[in-house]
Amino acid sequence: MPSAHAKLSPSSSPRWLECPGSVHAEPAAPDVGSAASDEGTACHFVAEQCLVEDKQPAEFVGLTIKAEEKQRPVTFTEEMAGWVNEAIDWVRDYLAEHPGSVLYTETEVDIGLAFGLPVDETGKTVLWGTADFAIIAAQELVVGDFKFGYRNVSVHTSQLDLYAMGFIHWLACFCFERVRKVIIQPRAKDEPEETVIEMEALDARREEWVPKVRAALDPAAPRVPGEKQCAWCKAAPICAALHAHTQRLAQAEFESPEDLSLEEVADVLGKAGMIRAHLHAIETFAARMLAAGREVPGFKLVRAKRNRVWKDTAGAIQVLGEFGIGPDRYLSTPELVSPAQAEKIIGKKGKALLEPYIDQPLGEPKLAPESDPRPAVAGEFEAWDEDAA
């Protein structure tokens, strides 16, 4: 799996298409690694292996996976296998329903060529990315993305549009009628989300984005604060434009509720997301500084609590069965109940016997006041990139 990222990354395009100045706004602290991003990288790796080598996710359960240099080793669990299985099922079903289609997985696409950008010394433009999967069918191009986190991502994201534009430029010999965009998010949505865009509409969108792409390459491009583009921007905590914008919102809007009309209350609520985004950026910035060994007076990094998970459900079921406990008590249509629920069912005498089959994942870094009883863990977290997951 490629680990490098482009200056104009498709996954961060919702930010730089709206705020071109964010591309040249360098963050003042490194990113902090997260267990979620490491899990996502491992799941992407297994998904690719299963599609390319016709394997099943269950074959990877229990294996330690380190797909990228910056990724910390991850033990692939049955829960993760379930997420991957749901992701690749859509791809396999589509291929079965469209015989003769060609599948591409983890394919690097130089999208900038579709926008007339020059190739640099690396042999590609500054706008490129690696698509999770693409399928060439008889009359349509399919571009899809696997998301293994909890954050809901719309299928209408510009990321998929850009991948489609790049593939179409690359596959100029094919005449597609439409593009099918697919987002598969096992933890965020019950079903994969897909939509179709006609070629004429996609080309019109590309023309609309040409000046936006070029603006993002201008070192003097303006900063344009907004809830969507600021939410995941590394430069948000040091962005003077966002700070001034948030200050204006706070000063103008946070009056006594009793002095506001219902229309004014609604207006304040509509702008609350922007202020929350700025606060989130400041908290994330402080966490990164602490992880880098800097001191933030009055605060420290602690590990967030994570729920325990099964690392061997078969072994746990065997223990429960040996205690004479029927499946109707420990199976929850059709999955095994959580470790905590199983311990309640089996009681104190059997609790220790379940321990070998339970895993306690490490929690992610979390900002906390110095008065928090949990020990500080600064220095345990490695730098990472925002697109790692």
Protein backbone atom coordinates (compact mmCIF):
# COMPACT_ATOMS: atom_id res chain seq x y z
CA MET A 1 0.00 0.00 0.00
CA PRO A 2 1.45 3.41 -0.93
CA SER A 3 2.20 5.53 2.13
CA ALA A 4 3.20 8.86 0.54
CA HIS A 5 0.63 11.57 -0.09
CA ALA A 6 0.24 14.24 -2.72
CA LYS A 7 0.42 17.96 -2.12
CA LEU A 8 -3.18 18.07 -3.34
CA SER A 9 -4.61 14.92 -1.85
CA PRO A 10 -8.04 13.74 -3.10
CA SER A 11 -9.05 12.74 0.43
CA SER A 12 -8.45 16.29 1.67
CA SER A 13 -10.04 17.95 -1.38
CA PRO A 14 -13.18 19.00 0.57
CA ARG A 15 -10.76 21.28 2.43
CA TRP A 16 -8.55 22.69 -0.30
CA LEU A 17 -11.32 23.14 -2.88
CA GLU A 18 -13.05 25.50 -0.42
CA CYS A 19 -9.96 27.01 1.23
CA PRO A 20 -7.05 27.16 -1.25
CA GLY A 21 -4.81 28.89 1.29
CA SER A 22 -4.87 25.83 3.56
CA VAL A 23 -2.48 23.95 1.24
CA HIS A 24 0.42 26.27 2.08
CA ALA A 25 -0.48 26.65 5.76
CA GLU A 26 2.08 24.48 7.50
CA PRO A 27 1.09 23.01 10.86
CA ALA A 28 3.28 23.83 13.85
CA ALA A 29 3.18 20.33 15.34
CA PRO A 30 3.20 16.73 14.07
CA ASP A 31 0.08 14.63 13.88
CA VAL A 32 -0.53 12.09 16.62
CA GLY A 33 -0.99 8.46 15.74
CA SER A 34 -4.25 6.81 16.57
CA ALA A 35 -5.38 3.23 17.04
CA ALA A 36 -8.27 3.93 14.67
CA SER A 37 -5.97 4.99 11.81
CA ASP A 38 -3.76 1.93 12.35
CA GLU A 39 -6.82 -0.34 12.27
CA GLY A 40 -8.02 1.34 9.08
CA THR A 41 -4.66 0.82 7.38
CA ALA A 42 -4.67 -2.86 8.38
CA CYS A 43 -8.23 -3.32 7.08
CA HIS A 44 -7.34 -1.70 3.74
CA PHE A 45 -4.37 -4.04 3.43
CA VAL A 46 -6.47 -7.14 4.11
CA ALA A 47 -9.21 -5.98 1.74
CA GLU A 48 -6.67 -5.63 -1.07
CA GLN A 49 -5.15 -9.03 -0.35
CA CYS A 50 -8.56 -10.69 -0.36
CA LEU A 51 -9.61 -9.13 -3.67
CA VAL A 52 -6.31 -9.75 -5.43
CA GLU A 53 -5.57 -13.25 -4.10
CA ASP A 54 -9.18 -14.43 -3.67
CA LYS A 55 -8.81 -14.93 0.08
CA GLN A 56 -11.25 -14.53 2.95
CA PRO A 57 -10.76 -11.97 5.78
CA ALA A 58 -11.08 -14.77 8.33
CA GLU A 59 -7.73 -16.14 7.11
CA PHE A 60 -6.01 -13.06 8.57
CA VAL A 61 -7.59 -13.19 12.05
CA GLY A 62 -4.92 -13.32 14.73
CA LEU A 63 -2.13 -12.14 12.42
CA THR A 64 -0.06 -9.07 13.22
CA ILE A 65 -0.25 -6.58 10.37
CA LYS A 66 2.09 -3.67 9.67
CA ALA A 67 1.19 -2.59 6.13
CA GLU A 68 3.08 0.72 6.19
CA GLU A 69 6.32 1.91 7.70
CA LYS A 70 4.63 4.49 9.95
CA GLN A 71 1.87 2.14 11.06
CA ARG A 72 2.18 0.47 14.42
CA PRO A 73 1.54 -3.32 14.38
CA VAL A 74 -2.14 -4.28 14.58
CA THR A 75 -3.57 -7.65 15.56
CA PHE A 76 -6.31 -8.40 13.04
CA THR A 77 -9.47 -9.37 14.93
CA GLU A 78 -12.71 -11.14 14.02
CA GLU A 79 -14.50 -7.80 14.31
CA MET A 80 -12.17 -6.26 11.74
CA ALA A 81 -12.65 -9.30 9.52
CA GLY A 82 -16.38 -8.60 9.61
CA TRP A 83 -15.85 -5.02 8.42
CA VAL A 84 -13.58 -6.13 5.58
CA ASN A 85 -15.94 -8.93 4.59
CA GLU A 86 -18.78 -6.43 4.19
CA ALA A 87 -16.55 -4.16 2.13
CA ILE A 88 -15.30 -6.76 -0.35
CA ASP A 89 -18.72 -8.44 -0.65
CA TRP A 90 -20.01 -5.44 -2.61
CA VAL A 91 -17.07 -5.63 -5.02
CA ARG A 92 -17.38 -9.38 -5.52
CA ASP A 93 -21.13 -9.18 -6.03
CA TYR A 94 -20.72 -6.44 -8.64
CA LEU A 95 -18.09 -8.43 -10.54
CA ALA A 96 -20.33 -11.51 -10.48
CA GLU A 97 -23.26 -9.48 -11.87
CA HIS A 98 -21.09 -7.85 -14.56
CA PRO A 99 -18.98 -10.63 -16.12
CA GLY A 100 -16.01 -9.40 -18.10
CA SER A 101 -15.45 -6.36 -15.87
CA VAL A 102 -11.89 -5.47 -14.88
CA LEU A 103 -11.00 -4.72 -11.25
CA TYR A 104 -8.24 -2.37 -10.09
CA THR A 105 -7.28 -2.28 -6.40
CA GLU A 106 -5.08 0.24 -4.57
CA THR A 107 -4.30 1.92 -7.89
CA GLU A 108 -2.31 5.15 -8.01
CA VAL A 109 -3.95 7.67 -10.34
CA ASP A 110 -2.39 10.95 -11.51
CA ILE A 111 -5.48 13.17 -11.44
CA GLY A 112 -3.59 16.38 -12.16
CA LEU A 113 -3.15 15.37 -15.80
CA ALA A 114 -6.92 15.79 -16.24
CA PHE A 115 -6.49 19.40 -15.06
CA GLY A 116 -3.49 20.18 -17.25
CA LEU A 117 -1.02 20.31 -14.34
CA PRO A 118 2.68 19.83 -15.14
CA VAL A 119 4.63 16.72 -14.20
CA ASP A 120 7.42 17.39 -11.68
CA GLU A 121 10.73 15.64 -10.93
CA THR A 122 8.87 12.71 -9.30
CA GLY A 123 7.29 11.85 -12.65
CA LYS A 124 3.79 12.94 -11.69
CA THR A 125 1.76 16.04 -10.88
CA VAL A 126 0.97 17.36 -7.39
CA LEU A 127 -2.63 16.09 -7.62
CA TRP A 128 -2.71 12.30 -7.39
CA GLY A 129 -4.06 9.61 -5.13
CA THR A 130 -4.51 5.89 -4.59
CA ALA A 131 -8.04 4.62 -5.20
CA ASP A 132 -9.20 1.73 -3.03
CA PHE A 133 -10.89 0.11 -6.01
CA ALA A 134 -12.14 0.83 -9.52
CA ILE A 135 -14.02 -1.36 -11.95
CA ILE A 136 -14.23 -1.01 -15.72
CA ALA A 137 -17.60 -2.37 -16.79
CA ALA A 138 -19.31 -2.42 -20.18
CA GLN A 139 -20.91 1.02 -19.97
CA GLU A 140 -19.75 2.50 -16.68
CA LEU A 141 -16.71 3.21 -14.58
CA VAL A 142 -17.01 2.35 -10.88
CA VAL A 143 -14.85 4.18 -8.33
CA GLY A 144 -15.10 3.22 -4.69
CA ASP A 145 -13.66 3.88 -1.28
CA PHE A 146 -13.56 1.79 1.89
CA LYS A 147 -14.01 3.73 5.13
CA PHE A 148 -13.37 1.71 8.29
CA GLY A 149 -13.93 4.48 10.85
CA TYR A 150 -17.07 5.72 12.59
CA ARG A 151 -17.19 9.05 10.75
CA ASN A 152 -19.92 9.11 8.14
CA VAL A 153 -18.59 10.19 4.73
CA SER A 154 -21.03 11.11 1.98
CA VAL A 155 -20.83 9.31 -1.36
CA HIS A 156 -20.99 12.78 -2.90
CA THR A 157 -17.50 13.59 -1.62
CA SER A 158 -15.20 15.35 -4.10
CA GLN A 159 -12.62 12.62 -3.47
CA LEU A 160 -14.52 10.11 -5.61
CA ASP A 161 -15.19 12.70 -8.32
CA LEU A 162 -11.47 13.40 -8.58
CA TYR A 163 -10.60 9.70 -8.78
CA ALA A 164 -13.17 9.31 -11.56
CA MET A 165 -11.68 12.25 -13.48
CA GLY A 166 -8.21 10.75 -13.16
CA PHE A 167 -9.27 7.29 -14.32
CA ILE A 168 -11.22 8.68 -17.29
CA HIS A 169 -8.18 10.68 -18.45
CA TRP A 170 -5.99 7.58 -18.03
CA LEU A 171 -8.48 5.26 -19.76
CA ALA A 172 -9.10 7.59 -22.69
CA CYS A 173 -9.69 4.64 -25.02
CA PHE A 174 -12.86 3.66 -23.13
CA CYS A 175 -16.21 5.33 -23.76
CA PHE A 176 -18.18 5.33 -20.53
CA GLU A 177 -21.77 6.50 -20.28
CA ARG A 178 -21.62 7.17 -16.57
CA VAL A 179 -19.62 6.83 -13.37
CA ARG A 180 -20.87 4.89 -10.37
CA LYS A 181 -19.47 6.18 -7.07
CA VAL A 182 -19.48 3.89 -4.04
CA ILE A 183 -18.66 4.43 -0.36
CA ILE A 184 -18.61 1.35 1.86
CA GLN A 185 -18.58 2.16 5.60
CA PRO A 186 -19.29 -0.96 7.69
CA ARG A 187 -19.14 0.90 11.03
CA ALA A 188 -20.95 4.07 9.99
CA LYS A 189 -23.72 2.79 7.71
CA ASP A 190 -25.76 -0.41 7.47
CA GLU A 191 -25.52 -0.51 3.69
CA PRO A 192 -22.99 0.69 1.10
CA GLU A 193 -23.95 4.03 -0.42
CA GLU A 194 -23.75 4.56 -4.16
CA THR A 195 -24.78 7.14 -6.72
CA VAL A 196 -24.42 7.62 -10.47
CA ILE A 197 -23.19 10.71 -12.29
CA GLU A 198 -23.44 11.11 -16.05
CA MET A 199 -20.27 11.87 -17.98
CA GLU A 200 -21.49 15.31 -19.10
CA ALA A 201 -22.15 16.36 -15.49
CA LEU A 202 -18.77 15.05 -14.33
CA ASP A 203 -16.94 16.95 -17.07
CA ALA A 204 -18.82 20.13 -16.16
CA ARG A 205 -17.69 19.65 -12.55
CA ARG A 206 -14.10 19.23 -13.67
CA GLU A 207 -14.29 22.50 -15.63
CA GLU A 208 -15.71 24.21 -12.55
CA TRP A 209 -12.84 22.94 -10.40
CA VAL A 210 -10.00 23.91 -12.78
CA PRO A 211 -9.60 27.42 -11.28
CA LYS A 212 -9.97 26.02 -7.75
CA VAL A 213 -7.17 23.51 -8.35
CA ARG A 214 -4.91 26.24 -9.71
CA ALA A 215 -5.80 28.55 -6.81
CA ALA A 216 -4.74 25.85 -4.34
CA LEU A 217 -1.25 25.90 -5.86
CA ASP A 218 -0.83 29.65 -5.30
CA PRO A 219 1.29 30.36 -2.18
CA ALA A 220 -0.64 33.62 -1.77
CA ALA A 221 -4.06 31.95 -1.95
CA PRO A 222 -6.56 33.26 0.62
CA ARG A 223 -7.74 31.39 3.69
CA VAL A 224 -11.50 30.84 3.59
CA PRO A 225 -12.86 29.69 6.99
CA GLY A 226 -15.85 27.38 7.01
CA GLU A 227 -17.22 24.52 9.07
CA LYS A 228 -16.54 21.86 6.43
CA GLN A 229 -13.03 22.88 5.40
CA CYS A 230 -11.78 23.76 8.90
CA ALA A 231 -13.00 20.60 10.64
CA TRP A 232 -9.98 18.42 9.69
CA CYS A 233 -7.41 21.06 8.74
CA LYS A 234 -4.02 20.68 10.47
CA ALA A 235 -3.46 24.45 10.26
CA ALA A 236 -6.78 25.36 11.90
CA PRO A 237 -5.30 26.03 15.37
CA ILE A 238 -2.76 28.51 13.97
CA CYS A 239 -5.01 30.04 11.30
CA ALA A 240 -5.45 33.77 11.85
CA ALA A 241 -8.40 33.88 9.43
CA LEU A 242 -10.27 31.19 11.38
CA HIS A 243 -9.42 32.80 14.73
CA ALA A 244 -10.75 36.18 13.60
CA HIS A 245 -13.85 34.59 12.07
CA THR A 246 -14.66 32.63 15.24
CA GLN A 247 -14.10 35.70 17.41
CA ARG A 248 -16.58 37.67 15.33
CA LEU A 249 -19.14 34.89 15.64
CA ALA A 250 -18.70 34.64 19.38
CA GLN A 251 -18.84 38.38 20.03
CA ALA A 252 -21.86 38.93 17.81
CA GLU A 253 -23.91 35.87 18.68
CA PHE A 254 -23.37 34.83 22.30
CA GLU A 255 -25.76 37.15 24.02
CA SER A 256 -28.20 36.25 26.77
CA PRO A 257 -30.80 33.78 25.32
CA GLU A 258 -33.58 35.80 26.95
CA ASP A 259 -32.66 38.77 24.76
CA LEU A 260 -32.83 36.80 21.52
CA SER A 261 -35.80 36.04 19.29
CA LEU A 262 -36.38 32.42 18.24
CA GLU A 263 -35.06 33.35 14.79
CA GLU A 264 -31.87 34.68 16.37
CA VAL A 265 -31.57 31.55 18.54
CA ALA A 266 -31.81 29.43 15.38
CA ASP A 267 -29.12 31.56 13.73
CA VAL A 268 -26.77 31.06 16.70
CA LEU A 269 -27.34 27.29 16.63
CA GLY A 270 -26.56 27.26 12.92
CA LYS A 271 -23.14 28.79 13.57
CA ALA A 272 -22.30 26.65 16.60
CA GLY A 273 -20.60 24.03 14.42
CA MET A 274 -18.01 26.53 13.27
CA ILE A 275 -17.08 27.43 16.85
CA ARG A 276 -16.97 23.75 17.87
CA ALA A 277 -14.67 23.06 14.90
CA HIS A 278 -12.25 25.74 16.06
CA LEU A 279 -12.27 24.43 19.64
CA HIS A 280 -11.66 20.89 18.34
CA ALA A 281 -8.71 22.16 16.30
CA ILE A 282 -7.18 23.86 19.35
CA GLU A 283 -7.61 20.70 21.45
CA THR A 284 -6.02 18.57 18.72
CA PHE A 285 -3.15 21.04 18.40
CA ALA A 286 -2.49 20.89 22.15
CA ALA A 287 -2.50 17.08 22.01
CA ARG A 288 0.02 17.10 19.16
CA MET A 289 2.30 19.48 21.03
CA LEU A 290 2.20 17.25 24.11
CA ALA A 291 2.92 14.17 22.00
CA ALA A 292 5.91 15.99 20.50
CA GLY A 293 7.32 16.61 23.99
CA ARG A 294 6.19 20.23 24.37
CA GLU A 295 4.52 21.47 27.55
CA VAL A 296 0.96 22.80 27.57
CA PRO A 297 0.40 24.32 31.05
CA GLY A 298 -2.39 22.62 32.97
CA PHE A 299 -2.89 19.74 30.50
CA LYS A 300 -1.52 16.30 29.71
CA LEU A 301 -2.10 13.35 27.38
CA VAL A 302 -3.84 10.24 28.70
CA ARG A 303 -5.09 7.08 27.05
CA ALA A 304 -8.80 7.02 26.29
CA LYS A 305 -10.67 3.97 27.49
CA ARG A 306 -11.57 1.38 24.85
CA ASN A 307 -13.96 -1.50 25.16
CA ARG A 308 -12.51 -5.00 25.29
CA VAL A 309 -12.99 -7.23 22.25
CA TRP A 310 -12.83 -10.95 21.55
CA LYS A 311 -9.64 -12.21 19.97
CA ASP A 312 -10.87 -15.82 19.90
CA THR A 313 -14.65 -16.24 19.96
CA ALA A 314 -14.42 -20.00 19.35
CA GLY A 315 -12.35 -20.46 22.51
CA ALA A 316 -14.72 -18.27 24.53
CA ILE A 317 -17.76 -20.22 23.30
CA GLN A 318 -16.07 -23.49 24.28
CA VAL A 319 -15.50 -22.19 27.83
CA LEU A 320 -19.10 -21.05 28.13
CA GLY A 321 -20.30 -24.43 26.87
CA GLU A 322 -18.16 -26.28 29.41
CA PHE A 323 -19.97 -24.35 32.13
CA GLY A 324 -23.27 -25.69 30.84
CA ILE A 325 -24.41 -22.34 29.45
CA GLY A 326 -26.67 -22.65 26.40
CA PRO A 327 -26.17 -20.64 23.17
CA ASP A 328 -29.43 -18.80 23.79
CA ARG A 329 -27.72 -16.95 26.64
CA TYR A 330 -24.42 -15.95 25.02
CA LEU A 331 -25.31 -15.47 21.36
CA SER A 332 -26.83 -12.18 20.24
CA THR A 333 -28.27 -12.83 16.73
CA PRO A 334 -25.83 -14.28 15.67
CA GLU A 335 -22.76 -12.74 17.32
CA LEU A 336 -21.25 -13.58 20.66
CA VAL A 337 -22.17 -11.10 23.38
CA SER A 338 -19.50 -8.67 24.59
CA PRO A 339 -16.75 -9.81 26.98
CA ALA A 340 -18.37 -7.86 29.83
CA GLN A 341 -21.75 -9.53 29.21
CA ALA A 342 -20.14 -12.97 28.95
CA GLU A 343 -18.39 -12.46 32.30
CA LYS A 344 -21.73 -11.65 33.94
CA ILE A 345 -23.25 -14.82 32.47
CA ILE A 346 -20.42 -17.14 33.52
CA GLY A 347 -19.91 -15.61 36.97
CA LYS A 348 -16.81 -15.15 39.13
CA LYS A 349 -15.66 -18.78 38.90
CA GLY A 350 -15.43 -18.79 35.11
CA LYS A 351 -14.37 -15.19 34.56
CA ALA A 352 -10.63 -15.99 34.69
CA LEU A 353 -11.06 -18.75 32.10
CA LEU A 354 -12.32 -16.22 29.55
CA GLU A 355 -9.36 -13.85 29.95
CA PRO A 356 -7.09 -15.62 27.39
CA TYR A 357 -9.72 -15.03 24.71
CA ILE A 358 -10.18 -11.29 25.38
CA ASP A 359 -8.10 -8.44 24.00
CA GLN A 360 -7.86 -4.91 25.46
CA PRO A 361 -6.90 -2.52 22.63
CA LEU A 362 -4.83 0.51 23.58
CA GLY A 363 -6.81 3.72 23.72
CA GLU A 364 -6.08 6.74 21.56
CA PRO A 365 -4.33 9.85 22.93
CA LYS A 366 -6.75 12.18 24.67
CA LEU A 367 -6.24 15.67 26.07
CA ALA A 368 -7.05 15.93 29.77
CA PRO A 369 -6.44 18.40 32.62
CA GLU A 370 -3.53 17.67 34.91
CA SER A 371 -6.02 16.86 37.69
CA ASP A 372 -7.19 13.77 35.74
CA PRO A 373 -6.23 10.63 37.76
CA ARG A 374 -5.01 8.76 34.68
CA PRO A 375 -1.21 8.75 34.14
CA ALA A 376 0.31 11.00 31.50
CA VAL A 377 1.49 9.13 28.41
CA ALA A 378 3.21 11.83 26.32
CA GLY A 379 5.98 10.42 24.18
CA GLU A 380 4.24 7.08 23.50
CA PHE A 381 2.61 8.29 20.29
CA GLU A 382 4.39 8.47 16.95
CA ALA A 383 3.83 11.14 14.31
CA TRP A 384 1.36 10.20 11.58
CA ASP A 385 -0.31 11.70 8.54
CA GLU A 386 -3.97 12.81 8.39
CA ASP A 387 -4.69 10.52 5.40
CA ALA A 388 -3.30 7.34 6.99
CA ALA A 389 -6.74 5.84 7.46
